Amino acid sequence: MSLDGPSDPSLWLTRQVGSYESIMLGDITQESWKNVVDCVCVKSDDLDPALLESAYRTLIYNQPMFRTDVRGGEDGCVYFTPATDFSDVFEFLDQSGETDTEEKGYEGCWDMAEKLVNTPFPMGKGKPLHKCYLVKRPDCYVILFWFNHGIGHGVTGNRLIHETLTQYDRMVAGLEVELNPEPPLPSEKEMCRNVRDEKVLELIVKEKTERAEKVKRRSVYFLWTWEK
């Protein structure tokens, strides 16, 4: 396993990829373009990059989806498998010297967000399918959470923001981070197994499939503002 996650193997994601996740991941023999970028504009005079990286790594420790890679099995199916290389999950960029620009807040990182959302993740290389960037702009900090759509969606961004900045605030206050790894969730097929109403089940599958098939190479990005 890895020091970036719990020692208990049952807390790592190793199940077969579900049908909806498979659509979002795409062909794992190629690079996946289906990505999400959440941008957070933090109004603060100072953010500590080292502390924010520690906060983000705590989230990785606690969330199974952020400790996983994918691989093809001998049976022809696709499986989640523990990532082993977490050396490139965080990067700090200091752009505070760009004082000649009129771009404020998110605008300063817009081109970067568009580039990331169209940059593919390699599959089966041992690396997790996400990365966090902290960018120091002349007027603010911008945090970009970049991840593959197969491990999260728009709502995932809410948790990324909340959990990372909550852990950051704990460390600033002199407290220990909260290491509380969550158990891996089953696939959507397993979640729907106990649905008794066939019409409800068909509707769930139909809507999820239609939404997944509409995902284009240029995926989505979300904008948030956080006062510190």
C-alpha atoms as a PDB file:
ATOM      1  CA  MET A   1       0.000   0.000   0.000  1.00  0.00           C
ATOM      2  CA  SER A   2       1.212   3.561   0.720  1.00  0.00           C
ATOM      3  CA  LEU A   3       1.892   5.932   3.584  1.00  0.00           C
ATOM      4  CA  ASP A   4      -0.676   8.187   1.905  1.00  0.00           C
ATOM      5  CA  GLY A   5      -3.451   5.875   3.070  1.00  0.00           C
ATOM      6  CA  PRO A   6      -4.503   3.582   5.924  1.00  0.00           C
ATOM      7  CA  SER A   7      -2.790   0.244   6.543  1.00  0.00           C
ATOM      8  CA  ASP A   8      -6.110  -1.643   6.478  1.00  0.00           C
ATOM      9  CA  PRO A   9      -6.486  -3.076   2.928  1.00  0.00           C
ATOM     10  CA  SER A  10     -10.291  -3.044   3.243  1.00  0.00           C
ATOM     11  CA  LEU A  11     -10.222   0.768   3.253  1.00  0.00           C
ATOM     12  CA  TRP A  12      -8.712   0.888  -0.246  1.00  0.00           C
ATOM     13  CA  LEU A  13     -10.818   0.711  -3.386  1.00  0.00           C
ATOM     14  CA  THR A  14     -10.223  -2.569  -5.244  1.00  0.00           C
ATOM     15  CA  ARG A  15     -13.627  -3.482  -6.664  1.00  0.00           C
ATOM     16  CA  GLN A  16     -14.667  -3.717 -10.305  1.00  0.00           C
ATOM     17  CA  VAL A  17     -15.435  -0.384 -11.943  1.00  0.00           C
ATOM     18  CA  GLY A  18     -19.188   0.189 -12.259  1.00  0.00           C
ATOM     19  CA  SER A  19     -20.892   0.829 -15.603  1.00  0.00           C
ATOM     20  CA  TYR A  20     -21.424   4.561 -14.970  1.00  0.00           C
ATOM     21  CA  GLU A  21     -17.859   4.990 -13.680  1.00  0.00           C
ATOM     22  CA  SER A  22     -16.590   3.132 -16.733  1.00  0.00           C
ATOM     23  CA  ILE A  23     -18.306   5.598 -19.071  1.00  0.00           C
ATOM     24  CA  MET A  24     -16.773   8.503 -17.185  1.00  0.00           C
ATOM     25  CA  LEU A  25     -13.303   6.953 -17.128  1.00  0.00           C
ATOM     26  CA  GLY A  26     -13.367   6.160 -20.838  1.00  0.00           C
ATOM     27  CA  ASP A  27     -10.993   3.733 -22.535  1.00  0.00           C
ATOM     28  CA  ILE A  28      -8.305   2.984 -19.933  1.00  0.00           C
ATOM     29  CA  THR A  29      -5.909   1.854 -22.665  1.00  0.00           C
ATOM     30  CA  GLN A  30      -5.798   5.508 -23.677  1.00  0.00           C
ATOM     31  CA  GLU A  31      -5.670   8.780 -21.766  1.00  0.00           C
ATOM     32  CA  SER A  32      -8.951  10.040 -20.341  1.00  0.00           C
ATOM     33  CA  TRP A  33     -10.140  13.537 -21.236  1.00  0.00           C
ATOM     34  CA  LYS A  34     -13.230  13.540 -19.019  1.00  0.00           C
ATOM     35  CA  ASN A  35     -12.127  15.852 -16.245  1.00  0.00           C
ATOM     36  CA  VAL A  36     -13.470  18.321 -13.711  1.00  0.00           C
ATOM     37  CA  VAL A  37     -11.707  21.428 -12.377  1.00  0.00           C
ATOM     38  CA  ASP A  38     -13.041  23.227  -9.288  1.00  0.00           C
ATOM     39  CA  CYS A  39     -11.567  26.704  -8.777  1.00  0.00           C
ATOM     40  CA  VAL A  40     -11.630  28.346  -5.338  1.00  0.00           C
ATOM     41  CA  CYS A  41     -10.717  32.027  -4.993  1.00  0.00           C
ATOM     42  CA  VAL A  42      -9.459  32.519  -1.427  1.00  0.00           C
ATOM     43  CA  LYS A  43      -9.464  36.092  -0.137  1.00  0.00           C
ATOM     44  CA  SER A  44      -6.519  35.942   2.253  1.00  0.00           C
ATOM     45  CA  ASP A  45      -3.307  37.856   2.845  1.00  0.00           C
ATOM     46  CA  ASP A  46      -1.358  34.668   3.344  1.00  0.00           C
ATOM     47  CA  LEU A  47      -1.846  30.941   2.769  1.00  0.00           C
ATOM     48  CA  ASP A  48       0.867  28.497   3.768  1.00  0.00           C
ATOM     49  CA  PRO A  49       1.542  26.158   0.799  1.00  0.00           C
ATOM     50  CA  ALA A  50       3.091  23.476   3.025  1.00  0.00           C
ATOM     51  CA  LEU A  51       0.078  23.416   5.329  1.00  0.00           C
ATOM     52  CA  LEU A  52      -2.353  23.352   2.426  1.00  0.00           C
ATOM     53  CA  GLU A  53      -0.489  20.417   0.895  1.00  0.00           C
ATOM     54  CA  SER A  54      -0.693  18.579   4.232  1.00  0.00           C
ATOM     55  CA  ALA A  55      -4.415  19.339   4.378  1.00  0.00           C
ATOM     56  CA  TYR A  56      -4.911  17.976   0.863  1.00  0.00           C
ATOM     57  CA  ARG A  57      -2.907  14.854   1.646  1.00  0.00           C
ATOM     58  CA  THR A  58      -5.142  14.318   4.663  1.00  0.00           C
ATOM     59  CA  LEU A  59      -8.132  14.340   2.327  1.00  0.00           C
ATOM     60  CA  ILE A  60      -6.365  11.745   0.175  1.00  0.00           C
ATOM     61  CA  TYR A  61      -5.806   9.603   3.271  1.00  0.00           C
ATOM     62  CA  ASN A  62      -9.487   9.808   4.205  1.00  0.00           C
ATOM     63  CA  GLN A  63     -11.110   9.386   0.758  1.00  0.00           C
ATOM     64  CA  PRO A  64     -10.691   6.022  -1.063  1.00  0.00           C
ATOM     65  CA  MET A  65     -11.496   7.469  -4.499  1.00  0.00           C
ATOM     66  CA  PHE A  66      -8.516   9.809  -4.185  1.00  0.00           C
ATOM     67  CA  ARG A  67      -6.134   6.936  -3.512  1.00  0.00           C
ATOM     68  CA  THR A  68      -7.035   4.880  -6.545  1.00  0.00           C
ATOM     69  CA  ASP A  69      -5.797   4.135 -10.034  1.00  0.00           C
ATOM     70  CA  VAL A  70      -7.468   1.774 -12.538  1.00  0.00           C
ATOM     71  CA  ARG A  71      -6.233  -1.345 -14.312  1.00  0.00           C
ATOM     72  CA  GLY A  72      -7.503  -3.976 -16.693  1.00  0.00           C
ATOM     73  CA  GLY A  73      -8.019  -7.433 -15.222  1.00  0.00           C
ATOM     74  CA  GLU A  74      -7.193 -10.782 -16.823  1.00  0.00           C
ATOM     75  CA  ASP A  75     -10.942 -11.376 -17.068  1.00  0.00           C
ATOM     76  CA  GLY A  76     -11.333  -8.383 -19.388  1.00  0.00           C
ATOM     77  CA  CYS A  77     -13.016  -6.235 -16.735  1.00  0.00           C
ATOM     78  CA  VAL A  78     -11.704  -2.940 -15.364  1.00  0.00           C
ATOM     79  CA  TYR A  79     -10.844  -2.610 -11.678  1.00  0.00           C
ATOM     80  CA  PHE A  80      -9.951   0.141  -9.274  1.00  0.00           C
ATOM     81  CA  THR A  81      -6.520  -0.511  -7.830  1.00  0.00           C
ATOM     82  CA  PRO A  82      -4.528   1.277  -5.084  1.00  0.00           C
ATOM     83  CA  ALA A  83      -2.369   4.110  -6.386  1.00  0.00           C
ATOM     84  CA  THR A  84       1.264   3.893  -5.326  1.00  0.00           C
ATOM     85  CA  ASP A  85       2.849   7.154  -6.494  1.00  0.00           C
ATOM     86  CA  PHE A  86       1.591  10.283  -4.689  1.00  0.00           C
ATOM     87  CA  SER A  87       4.630  12.423  -5.461  1.00  0.00           C
ATOM     88  CA  ASP A  88       2.774  14.777  -7.804  1.00  0.00           C
ATOM     89  CA  VAL A  89      -0.584  15.480  -6.147  1.00  0.00           C
ATOM     90  CA  PHE A  90       0.129  19.093  -5.133  1.00  0.00           C
ATOM     91  CA  GLU A  91       1.891  22.068  -6.702  1.00  0.00           C
ATOM     92  CA  PHE A  92       2.357  25.691  -5.623  1.00  0.00           C
ATOM     93  CA  LEU A  93       2.720  28.405  -8.280  1.00  0.00           C
ATOM     94  CA  ASP A  94       3.692  31.958  -7.321  1.00  0.00           C
ATOM     95  CA  GLN A  95       2.269  34.418  -9.852  1.00  0.00           C
ATOM     96  CA  SER A  96       2.067  37.350  -7.435  1.00  0.00           C
ATOM     97  CA  GLY A  97       4.648  39.266  -9.453  1.00  0.00           C
ATOM     98  CA  GLU A  98       2.344  39.617 -12.456  1.00  0.00           C
ATOM     99  CA  THR A  99       1.355  43.142 -11.466  1.00  0.00           C
ATOM    100  CA  ASP A 100       0.895  44.371 -15.042  1.00  0.00           C
ATOM    101  CA  THR A 101      -2.262  42.312 -15.535  1.00  0.00           C
ATOM    102  CA  GLU A 102      -5.790  43.583 -15.047  1.00  0.00           C
ATOM    103  CA  GLU A 103      -7.157  40.097 -14.470  1.00  0.00           C
ATOM    104  CA  LYS A 104      -8.601  39.665 -11.000  1.00  0.00           C
ATOM    105  CA  GLY A 105      -9.613  36.605  -9.006  1.00  0.00           C
ATOM    106  CA  TYR A 106     -10.537  33.627 -11.153  1.00  0.00           C
ATOM    107  CA  GLU A 107      -9.724  35.467 -14.357  1.00  0.00           C
ATOM    108  CA  GLY A 108      -6.017  35.096 -13.650  1.00  0.00           C
ATOM    109  CA  CYS A 109      -6.295  31.296 -13.704  1.00  0.00           C
ATOM    110  CA  TRP A 110      -8.937  30.878 -16.379  1.00  0.00           C
ATOM    111  CA  ASP A 111      -6.511  29.773 -19.091  1.00  0.00           C
ATOM    112  CA  MET A 112      -4.889  27.356 -16.651  1.00  0.00           C
ATOM    113  CA  ALA A 113      -8.262  25.834 -15.726  1.00  0.00           C
ATOM    114  CA  GLU A 114      -9.176  25.345 -19.387  1.00  0.00           C
ATOM    115  CA  LYS A 115      -5.828  23.712 -20.082  1.00  0.00           C
ATOM    116  CA  LEU A 116      -6.170  21.350 -17.115  1.00  0.00           C
ATOM    117  CA  VAL A 117      -9.718  20.301 -17.937  1.00  0.00           C
ATOM    118  CA  ASN A 118      -8.471  19.258 -21.383  1.00  0.00           C
ATOM    119  CA  THR A 119      -5.291  17.553 -20.149  1.00  0.00           C
ATOM    120  CA  PRO A 120      -5.656  13.757 -20.014  1.00  0.00           C
ATOM    121  CA  PHE A 121      -4.879  11.535 -17.050  1.00  0.00           C
ATOM    122  CA  PRO A 122      -2.796   8.444 -17.840  1.00  0.00           C
ATOM    123  CA  MET A 123      -4.386   5.240 -16.549  1.00  0.00           C
ATOM    124  CA  GLY A 124      -2.675   2.302 -14.890  1.00  0.00           C
ATOM    125  CA  LYS A 125       0.541   4.171 -14.097  1.00  0.00           C
ATOM    126  CA  GLY A 126       0.213   3.955 -10.315  1.00  0.00           C
ATOM    127  CA  LYS A 127      -0.754   7.604  -9.916  1.00  0.00           C
ATOM    128  CA  PRO A 128      -4.070   8.844  -8.491  1.00  0.00           C
ATOM    129  CA  LEU A 129      -6.428  10.553 -10.913  1.00  0.00           C
ATOM    130  CA  HIS A 130      -6.311  14.054  -9.425  1.00  0.00           C
ATOM    131  CA  LYS A 131      -4.080  16.970  -8.452  1.00  0.00           C
ATOM    132  CA  CYS A 132      -4.371  20.181  -6.430  1.00  0.00           C
ATOM    133  CA  TYR A 133      -2.779  23.491  -7.481  1.00  0.00           C
ATOM    134  CA  LEU A 134      -2.347  26.511  -5.218  1.00  0.00           C
ATOM    135  CA  VAL A 135      -1.743  29.676  -7.242  1.00  0.00           C
ATOM    136  CA  LYS A 136      -0.720  32.931  -5.570  1.00  0.00           C
ATOM    137  CA  ARG A 137      -2.100  35.790  -7.652  1.00  0.00           C
ATOM    138  CA  PRO A 138      -1.447  39.541  -7.113  1.00  0.00           C
ATOM    139  CA  ASP A 139      -4.889  39.992  -5.504  1.00  0.00           C
ATOM    140  CA  CYS A 140      -5.759  36.567  -4.035  1.00  0.00           C
ATOM    141  CA  TYR A 141      -5.024  32.867  -3.912  1.00  0.00           C
ATOM    142  CA  VAL A 142      -6.705  30.449  -6.298  1.00  0.00           C
ATOM    143  CA  ILE A 143      -6.941  26.737  -5.530  1.00  0.00           C
ATOM    144  CA  LEU A 144      -7.626  24.440  -8.473  1.00  0.00           C
ATOM    145  CA  PHE A 145      -8.848  20.923  -7.749  1.00  0.00           C
ATOM    146  CA  TRP A 146      -8.356  18.866 -10.909  1.00  0.00           C
ATOM    147  CA  PHE A 147      -9.716  15.312 -11.060  1.00  0.00           C
ATOM    148  CA  ASN A 148     -11.018  12.707 -13.473  1.00  0.00           C
ATOM    149  CA  HIS A 149     -14.786  12.453 -13.768  1.00  0.00           C
ATOM    150  CA  GLY A 150     -14.565   8.730 -13.002  1.00  0.00           C
ATOM    151  CA  ILE A 151     -13.694   9.406  -9.349  1.00  0.00           C
ATOM    152  CA  GLY A 152     -15.942  12.405  -8.731  1.00  0.00           C
ATOM    153  CA  HIS A 153     -18.400  14.933 -10.118  1.00  0.00           C
ATOM    154  CA  GLY A 154     -19.560  18.479  -9.448  1.00  0.00           C
ATOM    155  CA  VAL A 155     -20.744  17.755  -5.907  1.00  0.00           C
ATOM    156  CA  THR A 156     -17.335  16.249  -5.156  1.00  0.00           C
ATOM    157  CA  GLY A 157     -15.921  19.766  -5.381  1.00  0.00           C
ATOM    158  CA  ASN A 158     -17.928  20.820  -2.327  1.00  0.00           C
ATOM    159  CA  ARG A 159     -16.262  18.113  -0.255  1.00  0.00           C
ATOM    160  CA  LEU A 160     -12.817  18.859  -1.641  1.00  0.00           C
ATOM    161  CA  ILE A 161     -13.123  22.503  -0.682  1.00  0.00           C
ATOM    162  CA  HIS A 162     -14.704  21.912   2.710  1.00  0.00           C
ATOM    163  CA  GLU A 163     -12.458  19.058   3.849  1.00  0.00           C
ATOM    164  CA  THR A 164      -9.194  20.577   2.616  1.00  0.00           C
ATOM    165  CA  LEU A 165      -9.787  24.036   4.091  1.00  0.00           C
ATOM    166  CA  THR A 166     -11.216  22.605   7.327  1.00  0.00           C
ATOM    167  CA  GLN A 167      -8.048  20.546   7.828  1.00  0.00           C
ATOM    168  CA  TYR A 168      -5.972  23.610   6.937  1.00  0.00           C
ATOM    169  CA  ASP A 169      -7.762  25.684   9.582  1.00  0.00           C
ATOM    170  CA  ARG A 170      -7.119  22.977  12.179  1.00  0.00           C
ATOM    171  CA  MET A 171      -3.382  23.077  11.527  1.00  0.00           C
ATOM    172  CA  VAL A 172      -3.297  26.886  11.596  1.00  0.00           C
ATOM    173  CA  ALA A 173      -5.013  26.686  14.982  1.00  0.00           C
ATOM    174  CA  GLY A 174      -2.332  24.289  16.227  1.00  0.00           C
ATOM    175  CA  LEU A 175      -4.579  21.221  16.157  1.00  0.00           C
ATOM    176  CA  GLU A 176      -3.893  17.791  14.682  1.00  0.00           C
ATOM    177  CA  VAL A 177      -5.526  16.855  11.389  1.00  0.00           C
ATOM    178  CA  GLU A 178      -8.428  14.417  11.524  1.00  0.00           C
ATOM    179  CA  LEU A 179      -7.439  11.051  10.065  1.00  0.00           C
ATOM    180  CA  ASN A 180     -10.738   9.254   9.602  1.00  0.00           C
ATOM    181  CA  PRO A 181     -10.613   7.113   6.441  1.00  0.00           C
ATOM    182  CA  GLU A 182     -14.001   6.338   4.965  1.00  0.00           C
ATOM    183  CA  PRO A 183     -14.904   2.869   3.661  1.00  0.00           C
ATOM    184  CA  PRO A 184     -15.076   2.421  -0.130  1.00  0.00           C
ATOM    185  CA  LEU A 185     -18.545   2.752  -1.611  1.00  0.00           C
ATOM    186  CA  PRO A 186     -20.073   0.054  -3.824  1.00  0.00           C
ATOM    187  CA  SER A 187     -20.767   0.661  -7.497  1.00  0.00           C
ATOM    188  CA  GLU A 188     -24.049   2.160  -8.632  1.00  0.00           C
ATOM    189  CA  LYS A 189     -25.143  -1.346  -9.681  1.00  0.00           C
ATOM    190  CA  GLU A 190     -24.693  -2.582  -6.132  1.00  0.00           C
ATOM    191  CA  MET A 191     -26.427   0.502  -4.743  1.00  0.00           C
ATOM    192  CA  CYS A 192     -29.427  -0.143  -6.989  1.00  0.00           C
ATOM    193  CA  ARG A 193     -29.587  -3.854  -6.237  1.00  0.00           C
ATOM    194  CA  ASN A 194     -32.154  -3.422  -3.469  1.00  0.00           C
ATOM    195  CA  VAL A 195     -34.422  -1.100  -5.431  1.00  0.00           C
ATOM    196  CA  ARG A 196     -37.733  -2.940  -5.676  1.00  0.00           C
ATOM    197  CA  ASP A 197     -39.533  -0.732  -8.172  1.00  0.00           C
ATOM    198  CA  GLU A 198     -38.345  -1.693 -11.663  1.00  0.00           C
ATOM    199  CA  LYS A 199     -39.561   1.602 -13.141  1.00  0.00           C
ATOM    200  CA  VAL A 200     -37.510   3.576 -10.612  1.00  0.00           C
ATOM    201  CA  LEU A 201     -34.482   1.435 -11.345  1.00  0.00           C
ATOM    202  CA  GLU A 202     -34.846   1.873 -15.098  1.00  0.00           C
ATOM    203  CA  LEU A 203     -35.166   5.643 -14.668  1.00  0.00           C
ATOM    204  CA  ILE A 204     -32.012   5.814 -12.519  1.00  0.00           C
ATOM    205  CA  VAL A 205     -29.975   3.862 -15.057  1.00  0.00           C
ATOM    206  CA  LYS A 206     -31.421   5.780 -18.032  1.00  0.00           C
ATOM    207  CA  GLU A 207     -30.722   9.242 -16.561  1.00  0.00           C
ATOM    208  CA  LYS A 208     -27.197   8.363 -15.434  1.00  0.00           C
ATOM    209  CA  THR A 209     -26.346   6.824 -18.796  1.00  0.00           C
ATOM    210  CA  GLU A 210     -27.700   9.802 -20.738  1.00  0.00           C
ATOM    211  CA  ARG A 211     -25.761  12.225 -18.573  1.00  0.00           C
ATOM    212  CA  ALA A 212     -22.545  10.238 -18.942  1.00  0.00           C
ATOM    213  CA  GLU A 213     -22.878  10.008 -22.718  1.00  0.00           C
ATOM    214  CA  LYS A 214     -23.236  13.779 -22.974  1.00  0.00           C
ATOM    215  CA  VAL A 215     -19.844  14.403 -21.354  1.00  0.00           C
ATOM    216  CA  LYS A 216     -17.553  15.867 -23.989  1.00  0.00           C
ATOM    217  CA  ARG A 217     -13.798  16.153 -24.169  1.00  0.00           C
ATOM    218  CA  ARG A 218     -14.098  19.659 -22.715  1.00  0.00           C
ATOM    219  CA  SER A 219     -15.526  18.831 -19.346  1.00  0.00           C
ATOM    220  CA  VAL A 220     -16.700  21.165 -16.579  1.00  0.00           C
ATOM    221  CA  TYR A 221     -15.214  23.545 -14.081  1.00  0.00           C
ATOM    222  CA  PHE A 222     -16.788  25.301 -11.113  1.00  0.00           C
ATOM    223  CA  LEU A 223     -15.997  28.617  -9.428  1.00  0.00           C
ATOM    224  CA  TRP A 224     -16.125  29.352  -5.697  1.00  0.00           C
ATOM    225  CA  THR A 225     -15.031  32.182  -3.389  1.00  0.00           C
ATOM    226  CA  TRP A 226     -13.800  31.603   0.146  1.00  0.00           C
ATOM    227  CA  GLU A 227     -13.095  34.336   2.679  1.00  0.00           C
ATOM    228  CA  LYS A 228     -10.217  33.573   5.051  1.00  0.00           C
END
